[in-house]
Amino acid sequence: MEKQTAGRDNLGKLAPKFAELNDDILFGEIWSRENELSLRDRSMITIAALMSLGLYPQLKSHFILGKKHGITKSEAVEIVTQLAFYSGWPKAWSAFSLLEEVYEEENEKKEEHGGCFGKGEPNVKFAKYFIRKFVFKTIN
């Protein structure tokens, strides 16, 4: 587990004790107990709690952590879908927009690299048999 510094980075000057508790106790001691629960499981539980409470700034941060801890986009979508029935439909709508932001890179990478099959290498051997033709139509 990497050392968490978000408390000190964001609240260190305003609330140093709170920042210390956040970084050293919550993330340093509680989250580091991976023999009890994996980071992935802790992320899922935290996402469920934050979405249920409608705490979206923290939820986005925990979607990011969850992604780092191995929660895939499809799993995150499934978590939000499940929670929609227990925490509220509007909360799920709000959570989905956060998911789009957090997993946006994946969408871009798939398009950039030819989807799930990949883009592949240029077909140099047979390229001479193909031409690229552009047709422009003028609308009157």
Protein backbone atom coordinates (compact mmCIF):
# COMPACT_ATOMS: atom_id res chain seq x y z
CA MET A 1 0.00 0.00 0.00
CA GLU A 2 1.39 3.39 -0.94
CA LYS A 3 1.57 6.07 1.73
CA GLN A 4 -1.42 8.38 1.64
CA THR A 5 -0.76 12.12 1.88
CA ALA A 6 -4.08 13.57 0.72
CA GLY A 7 -4.97 14.80 4.20
CA ARG A 8 -1.73 16.68 4.68
CA ASP A 9 -1.69 17.90 1.07
CA ASN A 10 -5.22 19.31 1.21
CA LEU A 11 -5.87 20.10 4.88
CA GLY A 12 -2.43 20.14 6.51
CA LYS A 13 -2.43 23.88 7.22
CA LEU A 14 -6.12 24.26 8.07
CA ALA A 15 -6.66 21.10 10.13
CA PRO A 16 -3.33 19.39 10.84
CA LYS A 17 -4.71 16.89 13.38
CA PHE A 18 -7.51 15.83 11.03
CA ALA A 19 -4.95 15.48 8.21
CA GLU A 20 -2.76 13.33 10.46
CA LEU A 21 -5.70 11.08 11.44
CA ASN A 22 -6.74 10.75 7.80
CA ASP A 23 -3.30 9.84 6.51
CA ASP A 24 -1.85 7.89 9.43
CA ILE A 25 -4.86 6.20 11.03
CA LEU A 26 -7.52 5.78 8.34
CA PHE A 27 -5.23 5.10 5.40
CA GLY A 28 -2.06 4.20 7.28
CA GLU A 29 -3.53 1.68 9.73
CA ILE A 30 -7.07 0.74 8.70
CA TRP A 31 -6.58 0.54 4.92
CA SER A 32 -3.23 -1.23 5.33
CA ARG A 33 -4.79 -4.27 7.03
CA GLU A 34 -4.79 -6.24 3.80
CA ASN A 35 -4.80 -9.58 5.65
CA GLU A 36 -8.30 -8.74 6.86
CA LEU A 37 -9.73 -7.23 3.63
CA SER A 38 -8.06 -6.56 0.31
CA LEU A 39 -7.67 -3.00 -0.93
CA ARG A 40 -10.12 -3.88 -3.71
CA ASP A 41 -12.76 -5.00 -1.20
CA ARG A 42 -12.18 -1.93 0.96
CA SER A 43 -12.63 0.22 -2.14
CA MET A 44 -15.93 -1.47 -2.99
CA ILE A 45 -17.25 -1.00 0.54
CA THR A 46 -16.16 2.63 0.64
CA ILE A 47 -17.70 3.34 -2.77
CA ALA A 48 -20.98 1.85 -1.56
CA ALA A 49 -20.99 3.97 1.60
CA LEU A 50 -20.06 7.21 -0.15
CA MET A 51 -22.59 6.76 -2.94
CA SER A 52 -25.32 5.91 -0.43
CA LEU A 53 -24.57 9.13 1.43
CA GLY A 54 -24.32 11.18 -1.78
CA LEU A 55 -20.76 12.32 -1.04
CA TYR A 56 -19.69 12.78 -4.65
CA PRO A 57 -16.32 14.58 -4.30
CA GLN A 58 -15.09 11.78 -2.03
CA LEU A 59 -16.80 9.19 -4.24
CA LYS A 60 -14.82 10.33 -7.27
CA SER A 61 -11.58 10.02 -5.29
CA HIS A 62 -12.54 6.51 -4.25
CA PHE A 63 -13.49 5.51 -7.79
CA ILE A 64 -9.92 6.54 -8.70
CA LEU A 65 -8.53 4.50 -5.79
CA GLY A 66 -10.79 1.59 -6.67
CA LYS A 67 -9.49 1.65 -10.23
CA LYS A 68 -5.92 1.54 -8.85
CA HIS A 69 -6.96 -1.37 -6.63
CA GLY A 70 -8.26 -3.41 -9.58
CA ILE A 71 -11.94 -2.50 -9.90
CA THR A 72 -12.70 -2.59 -13.62
CA LYS A 73 -15.05 -0.18 -15.34
CA SER A 74 -17.67 -2.90 -15.83
CA GLU A 75 -17.45 -3.85 -12.14
CA ALA A 76 -17.81 -0.20 -11.10
CA VAL A 77 -20.88 0.12 -13.35
CA GLU A 78 -22.33 -3.02 -11.74
CA ILE A 79 -21.66 -1.65 -8.23
CA VAL A 80 -23.51 1.59 -9.05
CA THR A 81 -26.37 -0.29 -10.72
CA GLN A 82 -26.80 -2.52 -7.65
CA LEU A 83 -26.66 0.47 -5.30
CA ALA A 84 -29.24 2.40 -7.33
CA PHE A 85 -31.97 0.23 -5.82
CA TYR A 86 -30.75 0.72 -2.26
CA SER A 87 -29.45 4.28 -2.17
CA GLY A 88 -31.51 6.01 -4.84
CA TRP A 89 -31.81 6.37 -8.58
CA PRO A 90 -30.64 10.02 -8.72
CA LYS A 91 -27.50 9.10 -6.77
CA ALA A 92 -26.71 6.43 -9.35
CA TRP A 93 -27.13 8.95 -12.16
CA SER A 94 -24.65 11.25 -10.43
CA ALA A 95 -22.23 8.40 -9.78
CA PHE A 96 -22.27 7.32 -13.42
CA SER A 97 -21.06 10.75 -14.54
CA LEU A 98 -18.13 10.38 -12.13
CA LEU A 99 -17.39 6.93 -13.51
CA GLU A 100 -17.28 8.36 -17.02
CA GLU A 101 -14.62 10.84 -15.89
CA VAL A 102 -12.55 8.29 -13.98
CA TYR A 103 -12.60 5.63 -16.69
CA GLU A 104 -12.47 8.10 -19.61
CA GLU A 105 -8.88 7.10 -20.47
CA GLU A 106 -10.00 3.54 -21.14
CA ASN A 107 -12.59 4.74 -23.65
CA GLU A 108 -9.98 6.83 -25.46
CA LYS A 109 -7.40 4.03 -25.45
CA LYS A 110 -9.84 1.56 -27.01
CA GLU A 111 -10.68 3.96 -29.84
CA GLU A 112 -7.05 4.93 -30.27
CA HIS A 113 -5.86 1.34 -30.49
CA GLY A 114 -8.61 -0.21 -32.59
CA GLY A 115 -10.93 -1.45 -29.85
CA CYS A 116 -10.62 -4.80 -28.12
CA PHE A 117 -8.78 -6.41 -31.06
CA GLY A 118 -6.13 -3.72 -31.34
CA LYS A 119 -5.12 -1.67 -34.33
CA GLY A 120 -2.41 -3.93 -35.66
CA GLU A 121 0.53 -3.13 -37.90
CA PRO A 122 0.34 -1.45 -41.32
CA ASN A 123 -0.17 -3.94 -44.15
CA VAL A 124 2.94 -3.04 -46.12
CA LYS A 125 2.93 -6.21 -48.20
CA PHE A 126 -0.49 -5.62 -49.80
CA ALA A 127 -0.75 -1.82 -49.48
CA LYS A 128 -0.02 -1.34 -53.19
CA TYR A 129 -3.31 -3.06 -54.03
CA PHE A 130 -5.41 -0.55 -52.10
CA ILE A 131 -6.04 3.12 -52.63
CA ARG A 132 -7.55 5.62 -50.29
CA LYS A 133 -10.17 7.64 -52.10
CA PHE A 134 -11.95 10.62 -50.60
CA VAL A 135 -15.20 11.78 -52.09
CA PHE A 136 -16.51 15.21 -51.23
CA LYS A 137 -20.11 16.07 -52.02
CA THR A 138 -21.42 19.58 -52.24
CA ILE A 139 -24.86 20.14 -50.82
CA ASN A 140 -26.86 22.68 -52.86
